[in-house]
Structures are given as structure tokens and as C-alpha cells.
Amino acid sequence: MKKTRFTESQIVASIQKQEAGIPVKEICRDLGITEPTFYNWKAKYGGMQTSDVKKMKDMETELSQYKKIVAELTFENRAMKNFIEKKL
């Protein structure tokens, strides 16, 4: 995944500027981004505060850990089933 040069707090701040009435073109020019990038940010982070973004990132990290655990257990389960089938 590509690393962004903007932090989540900077992204949220730019969205809040737009909600305050600053035109999108001006925000994009100041940040050096394209309008589609801004609207992608708005779709992902719109209506959030900086603390909400941190919570979201923490939850995504926790979810990925759970997914790894499930994948490992599924692999072990299949290996045990194959082992038992070969013994019988």
C-alpha cells in the first residue's frame, strides 16, 4: 500500500476547511493534490474528527490481527484433518 505524504489529521483539517466554505480548488492548490484525491479523502474521512480517525485506525489494526489469527487456525485445522484422514 502506498504511503501518503499527509497525515490523517491534515486530511481531516483540509476537509473541515472545505466545510467552512473554502473552495475545493483552493485547498487542492495549497496542498498540491488533485480534486479527485480530495473527494476520495472526503468519502473516507468526511464527518470525522482527528480522534475518530485514530480510533478507526486502531480498529483496523485489531481487525487485521484477528484475521491473521483466524487464518492460522484455519490452516492448522485443515492440516489436522488431512493428518487424521491419512492415518485412517
PDB file of N, CA and C in Angstrom:
ATOM      1  N   MET A   1       0.840  -1.175   0.000  1.00  0.00           N
ATOM      2  CA  MET A   1       0.000   0.000   0.000  1.00  0.00           C
ATOM      3  C   MET A   1       0.886   1.240   0.000  1.00  0.00           C
ATOM      4  N   LYS A   2       0.514   2.204  -0.800  1.00  0.00           N
ATOM      5  CA  LYS A   2       1.333   3.401  -0.939  1.00  0.00           C
ATOM      6  C   LYS A   2       1.219   4.281   0.306  1.00  0.00           C
ATOM      7  N   LYS A   3       2.348   4.781   0.743  1.00  0.00           N
ATOM      8  CA  LYS A   3       2.391   5.676   1.903  1.00  0.00           C
ATOM      9  C   LYS A   3       2.029   7.082   1.455  1.00  0.00           C
ATOM     10  N   THR A   4       1.111   7.703   2.176  1.00  0.00           N
ATOM     11  CA  THR A   4       0.681   9.048   1.833  1.00  0.00           C
ATOM     12  C   THR A   4       1.618  10.071   2.468  1.00  0.00           C
ATOM     13  N   ARG A   5       1.687  11.230   1.880  1.00  0.00           N
ATOM     14  CA  ARG A   5       2.552  12.248   2.463  1.00  0.00           C
ATOM     15  C   ARG A   5       1.796  13.148   3.419  1.00  0.00           C
ATOM     16  N   PHE A   6       0.513  12.881   3.588  1.00  0.00           N
ATOM     17  CA  PHE A   6      -0.305  13.659   4.512  1.00  0.00           C
ATOM     18  C   PHE A   6      -0.774  12.763   5.656  1.00  0.00           C
ATOM     19  N   THR A   7      -0.787  13.319   6.854  1.00  0.00           N
ATOM     20  CA  THR A   7      -1.306  12.570   7.991  1.00  0.00           C
ATOM     21  C   THR A   7      -2.826  12.658   7.992  1.00  0.00           C
ATOM     22  N   GLU A   8      -3.432  11.784   8.777  1.00  0.00           N
ATOM     23  CA  GLU A   8      -4.891  11.794   8.855  1.00  0.00           C
ATOM     24  C   GLU A   8      -5.400  13.120   9.423  1.00  0.00           C
ATOM     25  N   SER A   9      -4.663  13.696  10.359  1.00  0.00           N
ATOM     26  CA  SER A   9      -5.100  14.969  10.936  1.00  0.00           C
ATOM     27  C   SER A   9      -5.054  16.090   9.899  1.00  0.00           C
ATOM     28  N   GLN A  10      -4.062  16.066   8.996  1.00  0.00           N
ATOM     29  CA  GLN A  10      -4.011  17.058   7.927  1.00  0.00           C
ATOM     30  C   GLN A  10      -5.169  16.875   6.949  1.00  0.00           C
ATOM     31  N   ILE A  11      -5.506  15.630   6.673  1.00  0.00           N
ATOM     32  CA  ILE A  11      -6.606  15.340   5.765  1.00  0.00           C
ATOM     33  C   ILE A  11      -7.924  15.826   6.371  1.00  0.00           C
ATOM     34  N   VAL A  12      -8.144  15.525   7.652  1.00  0.00           N
ATOM     35  CA  VAL A  12      -9.369  15.956   8.328  1.00  0.00           C
ATOM     36  C   VAL A  12      -9.435  17.478   8.380  1.00  0.00           C
ATOM     37  N   ALA A  13      -8.305  18.121   8.618  1.00  0.00           N
ATOM     38  CA  ALA A  13      -8.279  19.585   8.660  1.00  0.00           C
ATOM     39  C   ALA A  13      -8.640  20.183   7.304  1.00  0.00           C
ATOM     40  N   SER A  14      -8.165  19.570   6.221  1.00  0.00           N
ATOM     41  CA  SER A  14      -8.499  20.091   4.889  1.00  0.00           C
ATOM     42  C   SER A  14      -9.984  19.907   4.585  1.00  0.00           C
ATOM     43  N   ILE A  15     -10.557  18.804   5.036  1.00  0.00           N
ATOM     44  CA  ILE A  15     -11.995  18.590   4.833  1.00  0.00           C
ATOM     45  C   ILE A  15     -12.799  19.598   5.644  1.00  0.00           C
ATOM     46  N   GLN A  16     -12.338  19.894   6.845  1.00  0.00           N
ATOM     47  CA  GLN A  16     -13.027  20.883   7.672  1.00  0.00           C
ATOM     48  C   GLN A  16     -12.945  22.279   7.064  1.00  0.00           C
ATOM     49  N   LYS A  17     -11.825  22.579   6.389  1.00  0.00           N
ATOM     50  CA  LYS A  17     -11.713  23.862   5.689  1.00  0.00           C
ATOM     51  C   LYS A  17     -12.772  23.967   4.605  1.00  0.00           C
ATOM     52  N   GLN A  18     -12.957  22.873   3.877  1.00  0.00           N
ATOM     53  CA  GLN A  18     -13.948  22.870   2.809  1.00  0.00           C
ATOM     54  C   GLN A  18     -15.348  23.030   3.387  1.00  0.00           C
ATOM     55  N   GLU A  19     -15.614  22.396   4.524  1.00  0.00           N
ATOM     56  CA  GLU A  19     -16.919  22.526   5.160  1.00  0.00           C
ATOM     57  C   GLU A  19     -17.139  23.940   5.697  1.00  0.00           C
ATOM     58  N   ALA A  20     -16.040  24.653   5.984  1.00  0.00           N
ATOM     59  CA  ALA A  20     -16.140  26.026   6.467  1.00  0.00           C
ATOM     60  C   ALA A  20     -16.397  27.015   5.329  1.00  0.00           C
ATOM     61  N   GLY A  21     -16.256  26.561   4.081  1.00  0.00           N
ATOM     62  CA  GLY A  21     -16.599  27.428   2.968  1.00  0.00           C
ATOM     63  C   GLY A  21     -15.473  27.745   2.011  1.00  0.00           C
ATOM     64  N   ILE A  22     -14.282  27.245   2.244  1.00  0.00           N
ATOM     65  CA  ILE A  22     -13.168  27.487   1.324  1.00  0.00           C
ATOM     66  C   ILE A  22     -13.358  26.587   0.099  1.00  0.00           C
ATOM     67  N   PRO A  23     -13.202  27.135  -1.106  1.00  0.00           N
ATOM     68  CA  PRO A  23     -13.397  26.322  -2.320  1.00  0.00           C
ATOM     69  C   PRO A  23     -12.402  25.158  -2.407  1.00  0.00           C
ATOM     70  N   VAL A  24     -12.877  24.062  -2.978  1.00  0.00           N
ATOM     71  CA  VAL A  24     -12.066  22.859  -3.111  1.00  0.00           C
ATOM     72  C   VAL A  24     -10.836  23.118  -3.960  1.00  0.00           C
ATOM     73  N   LYS A  25     -10.977  23.898  -5.026  1.00  0.00           N
ATOM     74  CA  LYS A  25      -9.833  24.175  -5.905  1.00  0.00           C
ATOM     75  C   LYS A  25      -8.711  24.863  -5.147  1.00  0.00           C
ATOM     76  N   GLU A  26      -9.062  25.768  -4.257  1.00  0.00           N
ATOM     77  CA  GLU A  26      -8.044  26.480  -3.479  1.00  0.00           C
ATOM     78  C   GLU A  26      -7.338  25.539  -2.498  1.00  0.00           C
ATOM     79  N   ILE A  27      -8.089  24.682  -1.852  1.00  0.00           N
ATOM     80  CA  ILE A  27      -7.496  23.715  -0.918  1.00  0.00           C
ATOM     81  C   ILE A  27      -6.561  22.778  -1.662  1.00  0.00           C
ATOM     82  N   CYS A  28      -7.002  22.295  -2.824  1.00  0.00           N
ATOM     83  CA  CYS A  28      -6.186  21.378  -3.617  1.00  0.00           C
ATOM     84  C   CYS A  28      -4.901  22.055  -4.092  1.00  0.00           C
ATOM     85  N   ARG A  29      -5.001  23.319  -4.485  1.00  0.00           N
ATOM     86  CA  ARG A  29      -3.817  24.049  -4.932  1.00  0.00           C
ATOM     87  C   ARG A  29      -2.829  24.220  -3.782  1.00  0.00           C
ATOM     88  N   ASP A  30      -3.343  24.543  -2.588  1.00  0.00           N
ATOM     89  CA  ASP A  30      -2.465  24.723  -1.429  1.00  0.00           C
ATOM     90  C   ASP A  30      -1.748  23.425  -1.044  1.00  0.00           C
ATOM     91  N   LEU A  31      -2.471  22.303  -1.126  1.00  0.00           N
ATOM     92  CA  LEU A  31      -1.893  21.019  -0.727  1.00  0.00           C
ATOM     93  C   LEU A  31      -1.114  20.338  -1.844  1.00  0.00           C
ATOM     94  N   GLY A  32      -1.346  20.752  -3.067  1.00  0.00           N
ATOM     95  CA  GLY A  32      -0.672  20.126  -4.200  1.00  0.00           C
ATOM     96  C   GLY A  32      -1.272  18.777  -4.562  1.00  0.00           C
ATOM     97  N   ILE A  33      -2.591  18.668  -4.450  1.00  0.00           N
ATOM     98  CA  ILE A  33      -3.279  17.425  -4.779  1.00  0.00           C
ATOM     99  C   ILE A  33      -4.328  17.707  -5.852  1.00  0.00           C
ATOM    100  N   THR A  34      -4.891  16.637  -6.405  1.00  0.00           N
ATOM    101  CA  THR A  34      -5.949  16.795  -7.395  1.00  0.00           C
ATOM    102  C   THR A  34      -7.310  16.770  -6.705  1.00  0.00           C
ATOM    103  N   GLU A  35      -8.314  17.265  -7.403  1.00  0.00           N
ATOM    104  CA  GLU A  35      -9.664  17.271  -6.840  1.00  0.00           C
ATOM    105  C   GLU A  35     -10.192  15.860  -6.580  1.00  0.00           C
ATOM    106  N   PRO A  36      -9.959  14.888  -7.487  1.00  0.00           N
ATOM    107  CA  PRO A  36     -10.424  13.526  -7.170  1.00  0.00           C
ATOM    108  C   PRO A  36      -9.807  12.977  -5.881  1.00  0.00           C
ATOM    109  N   THR A  37      -8.545  13.316  -5.632  1.00  0.00           N
ATOM    110  CA  THR A  37      -7.912  12.878  -4.385  1.00  0.00           C
ATOM    111  C   THR A  37      -8.636  13.478  -3.196  1.00  0.00           C
ATOM    112  N   PHE A  38      -8.961  14.754  -3.283  1.00  0.00           N
ATOM    113  CA  PHE A  38      -9.684  15.402  -2.188  1.00  0.00           C
ATOM    114  C   PHE A  38     -11.030  14.734  -1.956  1.00  0.00           C
ATOM    115  N   TYR A  39     -11.753  14.448  -3.032  1.00  0.00           N
ATOM    116  CA  TYR A  39     -13.067  13.839  -2.870  1.00  0.00           C
ATOM    117  C   TYR A  39     -12.966  12.398  -2.372  1.00  0.00           C
ATOM    118  N   ASN A  40     -11.886  11.700  -2.705  1.00  0.00           N
ATOM    119  CA  ASN A  40     -11.657  10.368  -2.120  1.00  0.00           C
ATOM    120  C   ASN A  40     -11.447  10.486  -0.615  1.00  0.00           C
ATOM    121  N   TRP A  41     -10.653  11.474  -0.212  1.00  0.00           N
ATOM    122  CA  TRP A  41     -10.455  11.728   1.221  1.00  0.00           C
ATOM    123  C   TRP A  41     -11.769  12.034   1.900  1.00  0.00           C
ATOM    124  N   LYS A  42     -12.582  12.862   1.236  1.00  0.00           N
ATOM    125  CA  LYS A  42     -13.856  13.262   1.831  1.00  0.00           C
ATOM    126  C   LYS A  42     -14.776  12.063   1.991  1.00  0.00           C
ATOM    127  N   ALA A  43     -14.751  11.156   1.024  1.00  0.00           N
ATOM    128  CA  ALA A  43     -15.579   9.956   1.119  1.00  0.00           C
ATOM    129  C   ALA A  43     -15.133   9.068   2.277  1.00  0.00           C
ATOM    130  N   LYS A  44     -13.829   9.023   2.510  1.00  0.00           N
ATOM    131  CA  LYS A  44     -13.311   8.154   3.566  1.00  0.00           C
ATOM    132  C   LYS A  44     -13.363   8.811   4.940  1.00  0.00           C
ATOM    133  N   TYR A  45     -12.996  10.088   5.029  1.00  0.00           N
ATOM    134  CA  TYR A  45     -12.849  10.754   6.320  1.00  0.00           C
ATOM    135  C   TYR A  45     -13.905  11.822   6.591  1.00  0.00           C
ATOM    136  N   GLY A  46     -14.862  12.011   5.696  1.00  0.00           N
ATOM    137  CA  GLY A  46     -15.848  13.065   5.860  1.00  0.00           C
ATOM    138  C   GLY A  46     -16.666  12.910   7.139  1.00  0.00           C
ATOM    139  N   GLY A  47     -16.830  13.994   7.871  1.00  0.00           N
ATOM    140  CA  GLY A  47     -17.608  13.978   9.100  1.00  0.00           C
ATOM    141  C   GLY A  47     -16.866  13.464  10.315  1.00  0.00           C
ATOM    142  N   MET A  48     -15.585  13.185  10.165  1.00  0.00           N
ATOM    143  CA  MET A  48     -14.797  12.656  11.286  1.00  0.00           C
ATOM    144  C   MET A  48     -13.960  13.750  11.927  1.00  0.00           C
ATOM    145  N   GLN A  49     -13.643  13.528  13.174  1.00  0.00           N
ATOM    146  CA  GLN A  49     -12.674  14.339  13.891  1.00  0.00           C
ATOM    147  C   GLN A  49     -11.364  13.555  13.930  1.00  0.00           C
ATOM    148  N   THR A  50     -10.294  14.184  14.350  1.00  0.00           N
ATOM    149  CA  THR A  50      -8.995  13.522  14.408  1.00  0.00           C
ATOM    150  C   THR A  50      -9.032  12.316  15.338  1.00  0.00           C
ATOM    151  N   SER A  51      -9.737  12.438  16.459  1.00  0.00           N
ATOM    152  CA  SER A  51      -9.823  11.316  17.410  1.00  0.00           C
ATOM    153  C   SER A  51     -10.572  10.134  16.789  1.00  0.00           C
ATOM    154  N   ASP A  52     -11.587  10.436  15.966  1.00  0.00           N
ATOM    155  CA  ASP A  52     -12.323   9.364  15.297  1.00  0.00           C
ATOM    156  C   ASP A  52     -11.429   8.604  14.324  1.00  0.00           C
ATOM    157  N   VAL A  53     -10.552   9.323  13.653  1.00  0.00           N
ATOM    158  CA  VAL A  53      -9.642   8.690  12.696  1.00  0.00           C
ATOM    159  C   VAL A  53      -8.680   7.774  13.433  1.00  0.00           C
ATOM    160  N   LYS A  54      -8.184   8.209  14.584  1.00  0.00           N
ATOM    161  CA  LYS A  54      -7.276   7.373  15.375  1.00  0.00           C
ATOM    162  C   LYS A  54      -7.991   6.098  15.828  1.00  0.00           C
ATOM    163  N   LYS A  55      -9.229   6.226  16.270  1.00  0.00           N
ATOM    164  CA  LYS A  55      -9.999   5.049  16.685  1.00  0.00           C
ATOM    165  C   LYS A  55     -10.197   4.101  15.515  1.00  0.00           C
ATOM    166  N   MET A  56     -10.479   4.662  14.328  1.00  0.00           N
ATOM    167  CA  MET A  56     -10.681   3.840  13.150  1.00  0.00           C
ATOM    168  C   MET A  56      -9.418   3.060  12.806  1.00  0.00           C
ATOM    169  N   LYS A  57      -8.269   3.727  12.863  1.00  0.00           N
ATOM    170  CA  LYS A  57      -7.004   3.057  12.565  1.00  0.00           C
ATOM    171  C   LYS A  57      -6.722   1.948  13.577  1.00  0.00           C
ATOM    172  N   ASP A  58      -6.991   2.214  14.863  1.00  0.00           N
ATOM    173  CA  ASP A  58      -6.799   1.198  15.893  1.00  0.00           C
ATOM    174  C   ASP A  58      -7.694  -0.010  15.643  1.00  0.00           C
ATOM    175  N   MET A  59      -8.933   0.247  15.260  1.00  0.00           N
ATOM    176  CA  MET A  59      -9.861  -0.843  14.990  1.00  0.00           C
ATOM    177  C   MET A  59      -9.428  -1.648  13.761  1.00  0.00           C
ATOM    178  N   GLU A  60      -8.901  -0.970  12.735  1.00  0.00           N
ATOM    179  CA  GLU A  60      -8.420  -1.671  11.550  1.00  0.00           C
ATOM    180  C   GLU A  60      -7.225  -2.566  11.899  1.00  0.00           C
ATOM    181  N   THR A  61      -6.350  -2.070  12.758  1.00  0.00           N
ATOM    182  CA  THR A  61      -5.202  -2.860  13.188  1.00  0.00           C
ATOM    183  C   THR A  61      -5.657  -4.095  13.959  1.00  0.00           C
ATOM    184  N   GLU A  62      -6.604  -3.891  14.871  1.00  0.00           N
ATOM    185  CA  GLU A  62      -7.126  -5.005  15.658  1.00  0.00           C
ATOM    186  C   GLU A  62      -7.815  -6.029  14.759  1.00  0.00           C
ATOM    187  N   LEU A  63      -8.574  -5.556  13.787  1.00  0.00           N
ATOM    188  CA  LEU A  63      -9.261  -6.446  12.864  1.00  0.00           C
ATOM    189  C   LEU A  63      -8.269  -7.271  12.046  1.00  0.00           C
ATOM    190  N   SER A  64      -7.189  -6.648  11.605  1.00  0.00           N
ATOM    191  CA  SER A  64      -6.197  -7.393  10.828  1.00  0.00           C
ATOM    192  C   SER A  64      -5.525  -8.464  11.680  1.00  0.00           C
ATOM    193  N   GLN A  65      -5.315  -8.181  12.963  1.00  0.00           N
ATOM    194  CA  GLN A  65      -4.752  -9.191  13.861  1.00  0.00           C
ATOM    195  C   GLN A  65      -5.707 -10.368  14.007  1.00  0.00           C
ATOM    196  N   TYR A  66      -6.998 -10.079  14.149  1.00  0.00           N
ATOM    197  CA  TYR A  66      -7.989 -11.152  14.260  1.00  0.00           C
ATOM    198  C   TYR A  66      -8.050 -11.980  12.986  1.00  0.00           C
ATOM    199  N   LYS A  67      -7.941 -11.331  11.850  1.00  0.00           N
ATOM    200  CA  LYS A  67      -7.958 -12.055  10.580  1.00  0.00           C
ATOM    201  C   LYS A  67      -6.763 -12.995  10.461  1.00  0.00           C
ATOM    202  N   LYS A  68      -5.602 -12.543  10.939  1.00  0.00           N
ATOM    203  CA  LYS A  68      -4.411 -13.403  10.919  1.00  0.00           C
ATOM    204  C   LYS A  68      -4.606 -14.612  11.818  1.00  0.00           C
ATOM    205  N   ILE A  69      -5.196 -14.395  12.988  1.00  0.00           N
ATOM    206  CA  ILE A  69      -5.444 -15.497  13.924  1.00  0.00           C
ATOM    207  C   ILE A  69      -6.385 -16.519  13.300  1.00  0.00           C
ATOM    208  N   VAL A  70      -7.459 -16.045  12.680  1.00  0.00           N
ATOM    209  CA  VAL A  70      -8.409 -16.948  12.042  1.00  0.00           C
ATOM    210  C   VAL A  70      -7.743 -17.719  10.905  1.00  0.00           C
ATOM    211  N   ALA A  71      -6.917 -17.065  10.126  1.00  0.00           N
ATOM    212  CA  ALA A  71      -6.227 -17.742   9.019  1.00  0.00           C
ATOM    213  C   ALA A  71      -5.290 -18.827   9.542  1.00  0.00           C
ATOM    214  N   GLU A  72      -4.561 -18.530  10.611  1.00  0.00           N
ATOM    215  CA  GLU A  72      -3.656 -19.523  11.189  1.00  0.00           C
ATOM    216  C   GLU A  72      -4.423 -20.715  11.745  1.00  0.00           C
ATOM    217  N   LEU A  73      -5.520 -20.463  12.442  1.00  0.00           N
ATOM    218  CA  LEU A  73      -6.309 -21.557  12.999  1.00  0.00           C
ATOM    219  C   LEU A  73      -6.962 -22.390  11.908  1.00  0.00           C
ATOM    220  N   THR A  74      -7.403 -21.762  10.848  1.00  0.00           N
ATOM    221  CA  THR A  74      -7.982 -22.491   9.727  1.00  0.00           C
ATOM    222  C   THR A  74      -6.929 -23.389   9.080  1.00  0.00           C
ATOM    223  N   PHE A  75      -5.740 -22.863   8.925  1.00  0.00           N
ATOM    224  CA  PHE A  75      -4.644 -23.658   8.350  1.00  0.00           C
ATOM    225  C   PHE A  75      -4.334 -24.863   9.231  1.00  0.00           C
ATOM    226  N   GLU A  76      -4.231 -24.643  10.540  1.00  0.00           N
ATOM    227  CA  GLU A  76      -3.953 -25.748  11.468  1.00  0.00           C
ATOM    228  C   GLU A  76      -5.076 -26.777  11.442  1.00  0.00           C
ATOM    229  N   ASN A  77      -6.316 -26.323  11.373  1.00  0.00           N
ATOM    230  CA  ASN A  77      -7.461 -27.225  11.344  1.00  0.00           C
ATOM    231  C   ASN A  77      -7.414 -28.113  10.111  1.00  0.00           C
ATOM    232  N   ARG A  78      -7.134 -27.525   8.951  1.00  0.00           N
ATOM    233  CA  ARG A  78      -7.049 -28.310   7.719  1.00  0.00           C
ATOM    234  C   ARG A  78      -5.893 -29.298   7.775  1.00  0.00           C
ATOM    235  N   ALA A  79      -4.770 -28.869   8.346  1.00  0.00           N
ATOM    236  CA  ALA A  79      -3.613 -29.758   8.450  1.00  0.00           C
ATOM    237  C   ALA A  79      -3.945 -30.952   9.348  1.00  0.00           C
ATOM    238  N   MET A  80      -4.627 -30.697  10.449  1.00  0.00           N
ATOM    239  CA  MET A  80      -5.006 -31.785  11.353  1.00  0.00           C
ATOM    240  C   MET A  80      -6.001 -32.732  10.676  1.00  0.00           C
ATOM    241  N   LYS A  81      -6.955 -32.216   9.915  1.00  0.00           N
ATOM    242  CA  LYS A  81      -7.911 -33.059   9.214  1.00  0.00           C
ATOM    243  C   LYS A  81      -7.203 -33.934   8.176  1.00  0.00           C
ATOM    244  N   ASN A  82      -6.266 -33.366   7.448  1.00  0.00           N
ATOM    245  CA  ASN A  82      -5.507 -34.150   6.469  1.00  0.00           C
ATOM    246  C   ASN A  82      -4.688 -35.233   7.160  1.00  0.00           C
ATOM    247  N   PHE A  83      -4.108 -34.927   8.274  1.00  0.00           N
ATOM    248  CA  PHE A  83      -3.298 -35.881   9.026  1.00  0.00           C
ATOM    249  C   PHE A  83      -4.169 -37.041   9.520  1.00  0.00           C
ATOM    250  N   ILE A  84      -5.349 -36.724  10.039  1.00  0.00           N
ATOM    251  CA  ILE A  84      -6.256 -37.752  10.552  1.00  0.00           C
ATOM    252  C   ILE A  84      -6.758 -38.626   9.410  1.00  0.00           C
ATOM    253  N   GLU A  85      -7.069 -38.034   8.257  1.00  0.00           N
ATOM    254  CA  GLU A  85      -7.541 -38.812   7.114  1.00  0.00           C
ATOM    255  C   GLU A  85      -6.470 -39.777   6.625  1.00  0.00           C
ATOM    256  N   LYS A  86      -5.218 -39.374   6.650  1.00  0.00           N
ATOM    257  CA  LYS A  86      -4.138 -40.248   6.207  1.00  0.00           C
ATOM    258  C   LYS A  86      -3.931 -41.406   7.172  1.00  0.00           C
ATOM    259  N   LYS A  87      -4.159 -41.179   8.451  1.00  0.00           N
ATOM    260  CA  LYS A  87      -3.996 -42.244   9.441  1.00  0.00           C
ATOM    261  C   LYS A  87      -5.068 -43.301   9.318  1.00  0.00           C
ATOM    262  N   LEU A  88      -6.274 -42.891   8.932  1.00  0.00           N
ATOM    263  CA  LEU A  88      -7.368 -43.851   8.832  1.00  0.00           C
ATOM    264  C   LEU A  88      -7.246 -44.565   7.530  1.00  0.00           C
TER     265      LEU A  88
END
